[in-house]
Amino acid sequence: MRASTFAMLANAAAGASAAIVRGVNLGGWLVTEPWMTPSLFQSTNTADEWHLCNALGKQKCLSTLENHWSTFYTRNDLAEIKAAGLRYERREHCPPSVMMYMLIAYAVPAIRIPLGYWAVDLLDYEPYVSGQYPYLVQAVQWANELGLHVMIDLHGAPGSQNGWEETGLVGPIGFVDNSSNSDRSLNVLQNLTTEFSKEIYGGAVTNIELLNEPIFANAALRTFYTAGANVVGPANVSGINVTIHDAFYNPPTWANYDPHNPDAQTPGKFLTLDTHQFWAFPPLNTLPEPQILQRICDFAAALKLNNTGIPPTLVGEWSLSTGITANSTSNTEQDQAKRTWFRKLFEAQNAAYTPQKPGQPSIGWYFWSWQTEYDIDAWSYRRGVADGYIPSNISDPSTYIFPVLDNGCIDDTFQYTAAASVSGLGPSSTGASGSASATGTKSGSSAATTTGGSSASSSSTGSASSAAGMTRPSLWVPGLAISSVLLFCLY
């Protein structure tokens, strides 16, 4: 039963059976951001959805956003996500004599849907408009029909939990200034839990994230997490699990955390940790490529240790942006060198954020995002597939380029050059075709070349995205945070 699969995730750190997540965010949709959908904001030159609606007035803002909600993501997008191999993988122990990947029967694609509080709890004085909720319901229904798992995350909370545009309101962090902000957020979480635990949705919603990227004192955050877990937790019986963001404190800070028991010596049940890994923002955006790859590798090591007490951990947002200028309002093709780097960076992160053995905290990832309005190269998964710097089917290791070493890192000495040109996105675009082997060529509009590097074990993984015009805090170093169906067969 699909509703039980996040229970598998929550027990991944201790069991012989686990699930791997490979998914994408439906970013820029039900919570808008100027850098993702610039045309919505051009007429007002505003920085966030609060000020957009304040400038347009409620009637005009509603009609503008209704058009956006109804067109930016459709059922066809979710079908394409499924076709790209973005899914859950179930993994189990294999006989000791077998050392290979195997296909097994259970595989479900995964999406993460950001939502603002104002879709549920809107006060008269607030300039926002509501109307997003029916589209959320429709997306979950489509997901159920297509066999996708859904995580819903509270992306914007009253008062703003971090002061960034993604919360709907740029400015001071006001979430902790008034207890009503917490109360209203809990009301939203209760609404989501009650609605999406109904049998009509077929268990498609497997996780609710209590708060996205909060930046305030740990003690206050843990108080809210306990209250939120008390709201969402009872839905564990219907398959909805609690996800918490690490708040940039880094995953080890949350070792043995149980929102229901401050004295716990083991992680809470039915709990997952979300950590976000970006190289797009200062000071990490100026790192040279070798240092980025090394830090990704170091992060892999930190989350591939057993018996750490760290809850099952997802990298809920990551991209391919590393300070390289991204296209923003055009669909121009990246040059060959850029696509070569993107491919290496994608596969490095895919390997880092994917577990190799049972009992590891790492359980997978969600790329940010499936698309942007102009498919910014480092932030658009679908563009990466079309242009060949993201594997055409992430669930099929034969579409990967770089070997993965025993330490869970890619062999970055492996020689690879992207195709000289790409067909790109278009009405009939189906993405890059073909697969890559250790030596030879990858088929496409023009041949990509690969030549063998050092020998390595042949596990693999992948993912993509990039950023523009955002400000974030220094993230945790060494790394940043965190299906068909692969099965690791282990000695």
Protein backbone atom coordinates (compact mmCIF):
# COMPACT_ATOMS: atom_id res chain seq x y z
CA MET A 1 0.00 0.00 0.00
CA ARG A 2 1.44 3.33 -1.01
CA ALA A 3 0.58 5.03 2.26
CA SER A 4 3.06 2.82 4.06
CA THR A 5 6.12 3.76 2.05
CA PHE A 6 7.11 6.81 4.06
CA ALA A 7 6.95 4.57 7.10
CA MET A 8 9.70 2.63 5.35
CA LEU A 9 11.59 5.89 4.93
CA ALA A 10 11.24 6.77 8.57
CA ASN A 11 12.70 3.43 9.57
CA ALA A 12 15.43 3.51 6.92
CA ALA A 13 18.20 4.21 9.38
CA ALA A 14 17.59 1.01 11.29
CA GLY A 15 16.14 -1.50 8.89
CA ALA A 16 17.16 -3.86 6.15
CA SER A 17 14.54 -2.38 3.89
CA ALA A 18 14.53 1.25 2.82
CA ALA A 19 13.18 3.61 0.21
CA ILE A 20 15.14 6.04 -1.90
CA VAL A 21 13.59 9.31 -3.05
CA ARG A 22 14.45 11.01 -6.30
CA GLY A 23 12.05 13.83 -7.04
CA VAL A 24 11.56 17.43 -8.11
CA ASN A 25 9.97 20.53 -6.63
CA LEU A 26 7.02 22.20 -8.32
CA GLY A 27 8.62 25.56 -7.57
CA GLY A 28 7.29 28.96 -8.62
CA TRP A 29 3.71 27.73 -8.84
CA LEU A 30 1.48 28.09 -5.77
CA VAL A 31 4.06 30.39 -4.18
CA THR A 32 5.49 32.77 -6.78
CA GLU A 33 9.02 34.18 -6.85
CA PRO A 34 10.16 36.95 -9.23
CA TRP A 35 13.29 35.14 -10.41
CA MET A 36 11.29 32.05 -11.34
CA THR A 37 8.36 33.76 -13.07
CA PRO A 38 9.57 37.28 -13.91
CA SER A 39 6.71 38.15 -16.26
CA LEU A 40 4.25 38.10 -13.34
CA PHE A 41 6.21 40.85 -11.60
CA GLN A 42 7.35 43.03 -14.50
CA SER A 43 4.44 45.47 -14.46
CA THR A 44 4.79 46.19 -10.73
CA ASN A 45 8.54 45.71 -10.19
CA THR A 46 7.77 44.15 -6.82
CA ALA A 47 9.88 41.73 -4.82
CA ASP A 48 7.35 39.23 -3.53
CA GLU A 49 3.76 38.04 -3.76
CA TRP A 50 2.55 40.24 -0.87
CA HIS A 51 3.65 43.40 -2.66
CA LEU A 52 2.56 42.09 -6.07
CA CYS A 53 -1.01 41.72 -4.88
CA ASN A 54 -0.85 44.97 -2.95
CA ALA A 55 0.16 46.79 -6.15
CA LEU A 56 -2.36 45.07 -8.42
CA GLY A 57 -5.31 45.01 -6.04
CA LYS A 58 -7.10 41.82 -5.12
CA GLN A 59 -9.29 41.48 -8.20
CA LYS A 60 -6.47 41.96 -10.70
CA CYS A 61 -4.06 39.89 -8.63
CA LEU A 62 -6.52 37.01 -8.46
CA SER A 63 -7.11 36.96 -12.21
CA THR A 64 -3.37 37.19 -12.88
CA LEU A 65 -2.52 34.37 -10.53
CA GLU A 66 -5.46 32.21 -11.59
CA ASN A 67 -4.06 32.25 -15.10
CA HIS A 68 -0.64 31.32 -13.73
CA TRP A 69 -1.91 28.53 -11.47
CA SER A 70 -3.94 26.97 -14.26
CA THR A 71 -1.11 26.90 -16.79
CA PHE A 72 2.30 26.75 -15.11
CA TYR A 73 1.93 23.11 -14.08
CA THR A 74 -0.47 20.70 -15.73
CA ARG A 75 -1.13 16.98 -15.70
CA ASN A 76 1.24 16.67 -18.63
CA ASP A 77 4.09 18.05 -16.51
CA LEU A 78 3.48 15.40 -13.88
CA ALA A 79 3.43 12.73 -16.58
CA GLU A 80 6.78 14.02 -17.86
CA ILE A 81 8.19 13.93 -14.34
CA LYS A 82 7.20 10.30 -14.09
CA ALA A 83 8.74 9.57 -17.49
CA ALA A 84 12.03 11.14 -16.37
CA GLY A 85 12.37 8.38 -13.79
CA LEU A 86 11.90 10.63 -10.75
CA ARG A 87 10.57 8.29 -8.15
CA TYR A 88 10.90 6.25 -5.00
CA GLU A 89 13.10 3.20 -5.10
CA ARG A 90 12.70 0.41 -2.68
CA ARG A 91 15.95 -1.25 -1.64
CA GLU A 92 16.50 -4.50 0.17
CA HIS A 93 19.38 -6.74 1.18
CA CYS A 94 20.63 -9.09 -1.55
CA PRO A 95 22.30 -12.48 -1.27
CA PRO A 96 26.01 -12.03 -0.42
CA SER A 97 27.09 -13.59 -3.70
CA VAL A 98 25.32 -10.94 -5.73
CA MET A 99 27.05 -7.55 -6.13
CA MET A 100 25.04 -5.54 -8.63
CA TYR A 101 22.02 -3.35 -9.12
CA MET A 102 18.77 -5.16 -9.64
CA LEU A 103 15.36 -4.03 -10.76
CA ILE A 104 12.51 -4.71 -8.39
CA ALA A 105 8.80 -4.18 -8.58
CA TYR A 106 8.24 -1.13 -6.41
CA ALA A 107 8.93 2.29 -7.90
CA VAL A 108 7.05 5.56 -7.47
CA PRO A 109 7.94 9.08 -8.73
CA ALA A 110 8.05 11.91 -6.20
CA ILE A 111 7.18 15.62 -6.17
CA ARG A 112 7.41 18.33 -3.52
CA ILE A 113 4.80 21.11 -3.63
CA PRO A 114 5.50 24.43 -1.84
CA LEU A 115 2.42 26.19 -0.42
CA GLY A 116 1.89 29.53 1.30
CA TYR A 117 -0.24 29.85 4.43
CA TRP A 118 -2.56 32.31 2.67
CA ALA A 119 -3.98 29.51 0.55
CA VAL A 120 -5.70 28.30 3.74
CA ASP A 121 -5.65 31.05 6.39
CA LEU A 122 -6.00 34.55 4.91
CA LEU A 123 -6.98 37.60 6.95
CA ASP A 124 -8.86 40.55 5.45
CA TYR A 125 -6.04 43.04 5.91
CA GLU A 126 -3.50 40.87 4.08
CA PRO A 127 -3.16 41.74 0.37
CA TYR A 128 -2.67 38.13 -0.74
CA VAL A 129 -5.38 36.31 -2.64
CA SER A 130 -6.39 32.71 -2.10
CA GLY A 131 -7.44 30.26 -4.77
CA GLN A 132 -4.39 28.00 -4.81
CA TYR A 133 -6.01 25.21 -2.84
CA PRO A 134 -8.12 23.70 -5.66
CA TYR A 135 -4.96 23.47 -7.76
CA LEU A 136 -3.16 21.70 -4.93
CA VAL A 137 -6.06 19.26 -4.66
CA GLN A 138 -6.00 18.72 -8.42
CA ALA A 139 -2.24 18.10 -8.40
CA VAL A 140 -2.59 15.50 -5.66
CA GLN A 141 -5.39 13.83 -7.60
CA TRP A 142 -3.21 13.74 -10.72
CA ALA A 143 -0.36 12.37 -8.63
CA ASN A 144 -2.60 9.61 -7.35
CA GLU A 145 -3.68 8.73 -10.89
CA LEU A 146 -0.09 8.70 -12.14
CA GLY A 147 1.39 6.93 -9.14
CA LEU A 148 3.44 9.82 -7.77
CA HIS A 149 4.23 10.45 -4.13
CA VAL A 150 3.67 14.01 -2.87
CA MET A 151 5.34 16.05 -0.15
CA ILE A 152 3.55 19.30 0.72
CA ASP A 153 5.70 21.90 2.43
CA LEU A 154 4.65 25.04 4.28
CA HIS A 155 6.83 27.37 2.24
CA GLY A 156 5.52 30.66 3.56
CA ALA A 157 4.32 31.19 7.13
CA PRO A 158 2.63 34.25 8.70
CA GLY A 159 5.18 36.94 9.52
CA SER A 160 7.76 35.16 7.33
CA GLN A 161 10.06 32.55 8.83
CA ASN A 162 13.18 33.83 7.05
CA GLY A 163 12.41 37.17 5.37
CA TRP A 164 13.02 35.89 1.83
CA GLU A 165 10.80 36.17 -1.23
CA GLU A 166 10.01 32.45 -1.14
CA THR A 167 7.87 33.09 1.97
CA GLY A 168 5.76 35.63 0.11
CA LEU A 169 7.11 38.60 2.08
CA VAL A 170 10.62 40.06 1.96
CA GLY A 171 11.75 41.82 5.12
CA PRO A 172 12.21 41.17 8.84
CA ILE A 173 11.70 37.68 10.23
CA GLY A 174 8.40 38.22 12.00
CA PHE A 175 7.24 34.65 12.59
CA VAL A 176 8.40 34.57 16.21
CA ASP A 177 7.13 38.06 17.05
CA ASN A 178 3.55 36.98 17.66
CA SER A 179 2.20 33.65 18.89
CA SER A 180 -0.69 33.98 16.45
CA ASN A 181 1.76 33.31 13.61
CA SER A 182 2.51 29.90 15.07
CA ASP A 183 -1.18 29.27 15.74
CA ARG A 184 -2.15 30.13 12.18
CA SER A 185 0.62 27.91 10.80
CA LEU A 186 -0.63 25.02 12.92
CA ASN A 187 -4.10 25.67 11.54
CA VAL A 188 -2.73 25.29 8.02
CA LEU A 189 -0.94 22.07 8.93
CA GLN A 190 -4.12 20.71 10.50
CA ASN A 191 -6.09 21.56 7.38
CA LEU A 192 -3.57 19.83 5.11
CA THR A 193 -3.38 16.78 7.35
CA THR A 194 -7.14 16.39 7.60
CA GLU A 195 -7.72 16.87 3.88
CA PHE A 196 -4.96 14.74 2.42
CA SER A 197 -5.32 11.81 4.78
CA LYS A 198 -8.71 11.13 3.18
CA GLU A 199 -8.99 7.85 1.29
CA ILE A 200 -10.01 9.66 -1.89
CA TYR A 201 -6.36 10.66 -2.43
CA GLY A 202 -5.13 7.09 -2.25
CA GLY A 203 -2.25 7.86 0.09
CA ALA A 204 -0.54 10.05 -2.51
CA VAL A 205 0.52 12.60 0.11
CA THR A 206 3.19 10.87 2.14
CA ASN A 207 4.82 13.82 3.89
CA ILE A 208 3.99 17.27 5.21
CA GLU A 209 6.93 19.56 5.93
CA LEU A 210 6.19 21.72 8.95
CA LEU A 211 8.13 24.82 7.85
CA ASN A 212 10.52 25.55 5.01
CA GLU A 213 13.94 27.08 5.75
CA PRO A 214 13.17 28.74 9.10
CA ILE A 215 15.83 31.06 10.51
CA PHE A 216 15.30 31.72 14.18
CA ALA A 217 16.44 30.41 17.54
CA ASN A 218 16.69 26.65 17.89
CA ALA A 219 14.67 26.56 21.09
CA ALA A 220 11.73 28.41 19.52
CA LEU A 221 11.98 26.23 16.44
CA ARG A 222 11.86 23.02 18.44
CA THR A 223 8.81 24.29 20.31
CA PHE A 224 7.05 24.83 16.99
CA TYR A 225 8.20 21.47 15.64
CA THR A 226 6.74 19.71 18.66
CA ALA A 227 3.42 21.47 18.16
CA GLY A 228 3.48 20.74 14.43
CA ALA A 229 4.34 17.09 14.96
CA ASN A 230 1.41 16.81 17.36
CA VAL A 231 -0.84 18.05 14.56
CA VAL A 232 0.52 15.97 11.68
CA GLY A 233 1.73 12.97 13.69
CA PRO A 234 -1.66 11.30 14.21
CA ALA A 235 -1.91 10.92 10.43
CA ASN A 236 1.00 8.47 10.52
CA VAL A 237 -1.60 5.72 10.57
CA SER A 238 -2.79 6.84 7.13
CA GLY A 239 0.72 7.22 5.78
CA ILE A 240 1.43 10.95 6.22
CA ASN A 241 4.74 11.52 7.93
CA VAL A 242 6.35 14.57 9.52
CA THR A 243 9.25 16.32 7.81
CA ILE A 244 11.29 19.03 9.52
CA HIS A 245 13.84 21.35 7.96
CA ASP A 246 17.27 21.47 9.59
CA ALA A 247 17.10 25.29 9.68
CA PHE A 248 20.71 25.39 8.40
CA TYR A 249 21.95 24.03 11.73
CA ASN A 250 23.16 20.96 9.73
CA PRO A 251 21.92 17.36 10.04
CA PRO A 252 24.15 16.18 12.93
CA THR A 253 22.52 18.84 15.13
CA TRP A 254 19.32 16.82 14.86
CA ALA A 255 20.81 13.49 15.90
CA ASN A 256 18.42 11.50 18.12
CA TYR A 257 15.79 14.20 17.76
CA ASP A 258 12.23 13.24 18.59
CA PRO A 259 9.72 16.13 18.57
CA HIS A 260 7.60 14.22 21.09
CA ASN A 261 10.42 13.44 23.54
CA PRO A 262 13.16 15.98 24.40
CA ASP A 263 15.14 13.26 26.21
CA ALA A 264 15.08 10.77 23.34
CA GLN A 265 18.16 8.67 22.61
CA THR A 266 16.98 7.68 19.14
CA PRO A 267 15.30 9.63 16.31
CA GLY A 268 11.52 9.92 16.36
CA LYS A 269 9.51 7.45 14.33
CA PHE A 270 7.84 8.56 11.11
CA LEU A 271 10.16 11.57 11.00
CA THR A 272 12.36 12.76 8.14
CA LEU A 273 14.86 15.61 8.09
CA ASP A 274 15.12 18.02 5.16
CA THR A 275 18.37 19.83 4.40
CA HIS A 276 19.03 22.13 1.43
CA GLN A 277 22.30 22.16 -0.49
CA PHE A 278 23.04 25.13 -2.74
CA TRP A 279 26.31 26.41 -4.22
CA ALA A 280 24.67 29.48 -5.75
CA PHE A 281 24.90 31.87 -2.82
CA PRO A 282 27.75 33.69 -1.05
CA PRO A 283 30.29 32.68 0.02
CA LEU A 284 30.05 29.28 -1.65
CA ASN A 285 29.28 30.68 -5.11
CA THR A 286 32.91 31.71 -5.59
CA LEU A 287 34.45 28.31 -4.87
CA PRO A 288 36.44 26.74 -7.72
CA GLU A 289 34.96 23.61 -9.25
CA PRO A 290 37.35 21.12 -7.58
CA GLN A 291 36.49 22.50 -4.13
CA ILE A 292 32.78 22.22 -4.83
CA LEU A 293 33.17 18.58 -5.82
CA GLN A 294 35.27 17.85 -2.74
CA ARG A 295 32.74 19.45 -0.40
CA ILE A 296 29.96 17.46 -2.02
CA CYS A 297 32.04 14.35 -1.45
CA ASP A 298 32.64 15.32 2.18
CA PHE A 299 28.92 15.79 2.64
CA ALA A 300 28.33 12.33 1.21
CA ALA A 301 30.65 10.86 3.81
CA ALA A 302 28.82 12.63 6.64
CA LEU A 303 25.44 11.16 5.70
CA LYS A 304 26.67 7.69 4.74
CA LEU A 305 27.76 6.65 8.21
CA ASN A 306 25.73 4.16 10.20
CA ASN A 307 24.50 4.55 13.77
CA THR A 308 24.80 8.34 13.90
CA GLY A 309 21.31 8.95 15.26
CA ILE A 310 20.60 11.39 12.43
CA PRO A 311 16.99 10.97 11.24
CA PRO A 312 16.41 9.75 7.67
CA THR A 313 17.57 12.79 5.68
CA LEU A 314 16.42 14.22 2.37
CA VAL A 315 18.08 16.96 0.38
CA GLY A 316 14.79 18.68 -0.32
CA GLU A 317 16.25 21.41 -2.54
CA TRP A 318 19.42 21.57 -4.63
CA SER A 319 20.45 22.85 -8.03
CA LEU A 320 23.30 23.18 -10.50
CA SER A 321 23.96 26.84 -9.87
CA THR A 322 27.52 27.58 -8.74
CA GLY A 323 27.88 31.29 -9.39
CA ILE A 324 28.06 30.84 -13.15
CA THR A 325 25.79 33.34 -14.87
CA ALA A 326 22.47 31.69 -15.63
CA ASN A 327 20.02 32.68 -18.32
CA SER A 328 17.03 34.41 -16.77
CA THR A 329 14.59 35.76 -19.35
CA SER A 330 15.77 33.95 -22.43
CA ASN A 331 16.01 30.36 -23.53
CA THR A 332 19.48 30.61 -25.00
CA GLU A 333 21.63 27.51 -25.18
CA GLN A 334 24.50 27.07 -22.73
CA ASP A 335 27.94 26.52 -24.15
CA GLN A 336 29.59 23.12 -24.27
CA ALA A 337 31.91 23.70 -21.31
CA LYS A 338 29.00 24.78 -19.12
CA ARG A 339 26.97 21.70 -20.00
CA THR A 340 30.00 19.50 -19.33
CA TRP A 341 30.32 21.00 -15.84
CA PHE A 342 26.60 20.74 -15.18
CA ARG A 343 26.65 17.03 -15.98
CA LYS A 344 29.55 16.37 -13.62
CA LEU A 345 27.95 18.49 -10.89
CA PHE A 346 24.60 16.77 -11.28
CA GLU A 347 26.01 13.29 -11.03
CA ALA A 348 28.25 14.27 -8.12
CA GLN A 349 25.26 15.48 -6.12
CA ASN A 350 23.06 12.58 -7.15
CA ALA A 351 25.72 10.20 -5.85
CA ALA A 352 26.23 12.20 -2.66
CA TYR A 353 22.56 12.48 -1.74
CA THR A 354 21.68 8.84 -2.50
CA PRO A 355 22.39 6.09 0.06
CA GLN A 356 24.65 3.18 -0.77
CA LYS A 357 23.79 0.84 2.08
CA PRO A 358 20.95 0.19 4.52
CA GLY A 359 21.07 2.11 7.76
CA GLN A 360 22.55 5.31 6.32
CA PRO A 361 20.77 8.59 7.17
CA SER A 362 20.72 9.70 3.53
CA ILE A 363 17.54 8.69 1.73
CA GLY A 364 17.46 10.84 -1.41
CA TRP A 365 16.54 14.21 -2.86
CA TYR A 366 14.17 16.64 -4.57
CA PHE A 367 15.72 18.87 -7.23
CA TRP A 368 14.75 22.56 -7.38
CA SER A 369 12.91 22.83 -9.71
CA TRP A 370 11.16 20.96 -12.51
CA GLN A 371 10.99 24.22 -14.47
CA THR A 372 11.10 28.00 -14.35
CA GLU A 373 9.30 30.39 -16.68
CA TYR A 374 12.30 30.62 -19.01
CA ASP A 375 13.81 27.30 -17.96
CA ILE A 376 16.90 28.77 -16.33
CA ASP A 377 19.55 26.22 -17.15
CA ALA A 378 20.84 25.47 -13.66
CA TRP A 379 17.36 25.39 -12.11
CA SER A 380 15.25 23.55 -14.67
CA TYR A 381 15.33 19.77 -14.46
CA ARG A 382 13.35 19.35 -17.65
CA ARG A 383 15.77 21.57 -19.54
CA GLY A 384 18.67 19.55 -18.19
CA VAL A 385 17.14 16.38 -19.58
CA ALA A 386 16.45 18.04 -22.94
CA ASP A 387 19.98 19.45 -23.18
CA GLY A 388 21.70 16.30 -21.97
CA TYR A 389 23.29 17.49 -18.73
CA ILE A 390 20.81 15.53 -16.65
CA PRO A 391 20.36 11.80 -17.36
CA SER A 392 17.35 11.10 -19.53
CA ASN A 393 16.09 8.52 -17.01
CA ILE A 394 17.50 8.99 -13.54
CA SER A 395 16.20 5.56 -12.56
CA ASP A 396 18.36 3.86 -15.18
CA PRO A 397 22.07 3.79 -14.23
CA SER A 398 23.00 3.07 -17.84
CA THR A 399 22.17 6.72 -18.59
CA TYR A 400 24.83 7.95 -16.15
CA ILE A 401 28.29 9.08 -17.25
CA PHE A 402 30.53 9.10 -14.17
CA PRO A 403 31.49 5.98 -12.20
CA VAL A 404 30.84 6.09 -8.46
CA LEU A 405 33.65 5.13 -6.10
CA ASP A 406 33.32 3.01 -3.00
CA ASN A 407 33.19 6.15 -0.84
CA GLY A 408 29.98 7.28 -2.55
CA CYS A 409 31.64 10.03 -4.61
CA ILE A 410 31.93 10.19 -8.37
CA ASP A 411 35.25 9.59 -10.09
CA ASP A 412 35.76 13.19 -11.17
CA THR A 413 38.91 12.27 -13.09
CA PHE A 414 36.74 10.44 -15.60
CA GLN A 415 37.02 12.32 -18.88
CA TYR A 416 33.75 13.53 -20.39
CA THR A 417 32.83 16.31 -22.79
CA ALA A 418 29.24 17.32 -23.51
CA ALA A 419 27.83 17.33 -27.01
CA ALA A 420 28.87 20.30 -29.13
CA SER A 421 25.24 21.33 -29.62
CA VAL A 422 21.82 20.40 -28.29
CA SER A 423 18.31 20.41 -29.66
CA GLY A 424 16.97 21.99 -26.47
CA LEU A 425 13.40 22.35 -25.31
CA GLY A 426 10.67 22.67 -27.88
CA PRO A 427 7.10 21.62 -28.62
CA SER A 428 8.27 18.19 -29.70
CA SER A 429 11.37 17.91 -27.55
CA THR A 430 11.78 14.57 -25.85
CA GLY A 431 15.15 15.20 -24.26
CA ALA A 432 18.53 13.67 -24.88
CA SER A 433 18.48 10.08 -25.98
CA GLY A 434 20.83 7.20 -25.59
CA SER A 435 23.07 6.06 -22.79
CA ALA A 436 26.71 6.31 -21.88
CA SER A 437 29.26 3.62 -21.17
CA ALA A 438 32.69 3.81 -19.59
CA THR A 439 34.23 4.49 -22.97
CA GLY A 440 32.69 5.61 -26.23
CA THR A 441 30.00 8.17 -27.01
CA LYS A 442 26.65 9.33 -25.74
CA SER A 443 24.15 9.73 -28.54
CA GLY A 444 22.37 13.01 -29.09
CA SER A 445 22.27 15.86 -31.58
CA SER A 446 26.04 15.78 -31.43
CA ALA A 447 28.27 13.18 -29.83
CA ALA A 448 29.37 13.57 -26.23
CA THR A 449 32.67 11.90 -25.50
CA THR A 450 33.76 9.88 -22.50
CA THR A 451 37.02 8.15 -21.72
CA GLY A 452 37.79 5.98 -18.74
CA GLY A 453 39.28 7.33 -15.54
CA SER A 454 40.26 5.33 -12.50
CA SER A 455 38.46 2.10 -11.80
CA ALA A 456 35.40 2.33 -9.58
CA SER A 457 32.44 0.41 -8.39
CA SER A 458 29.52 1.01 -10.69
CA SER A 459 26.84 2.44 -8.47
CA SER A 460 25.54 5.83 -9.53
CA THR A 461 23.04 8.64 -9.07
CA GLY A 462 22.06 12.14 -10.44
CA SER A 463 20.10 15.55 -10.29
CA ALA A 464 20.08 19.27 -11.43
CA SER A 465 19.18 23.03 -11.06
CA SER A 466 20.61 26.72 -10.78
CA ALA A 467 19.85 30.18 -9.28
CA ALA A 468 19.68 33.92 -9.76
CA GLY A 469 18.89 36.92 -7.61
CA MET A 470 18.52 35.33 -4.19
CA THR A 471 20.27 35.85 -0.86
CA ARG A 472 20.85 33.10 1.65
CA PRO A 473 22.96 32.44 4.73
CA SER A 474 26.21 30.54 4.64
CA LEU A 475 25.24 26.91 4.51
CA TRP A 476 26.74 24.06 6.40
CA VAL A 477 30.18 23.00 5.27
CA PRO A 478 31.34 20.32 4.31
CA GLY A 479 28.21 19.87 2.36
CA LEU A 480 24.68 21.04 2.08
CA ALA A 481 21.56 19.16 2.90
CA ILE A 482 19.53 16.73 1.32
CA SER A 483 12.61 6.09 -8.14
CA SER A 484 12.31 2.44 -11.28
CA VAL A 485 14.09 0.94 -8.93
CA LEU A 486 17.60 0.19 -7.97
CA LEU A 487 18.48 -2.32 -5.37
CA PHE A 488 21.91 -2.26 -3.80
CA CYS A 489 23.07 -5.80 -3.24
CA LEU A 490 25.60 -5.69 -0.46
CA TYR A 491 28.15 -8.01 1.08
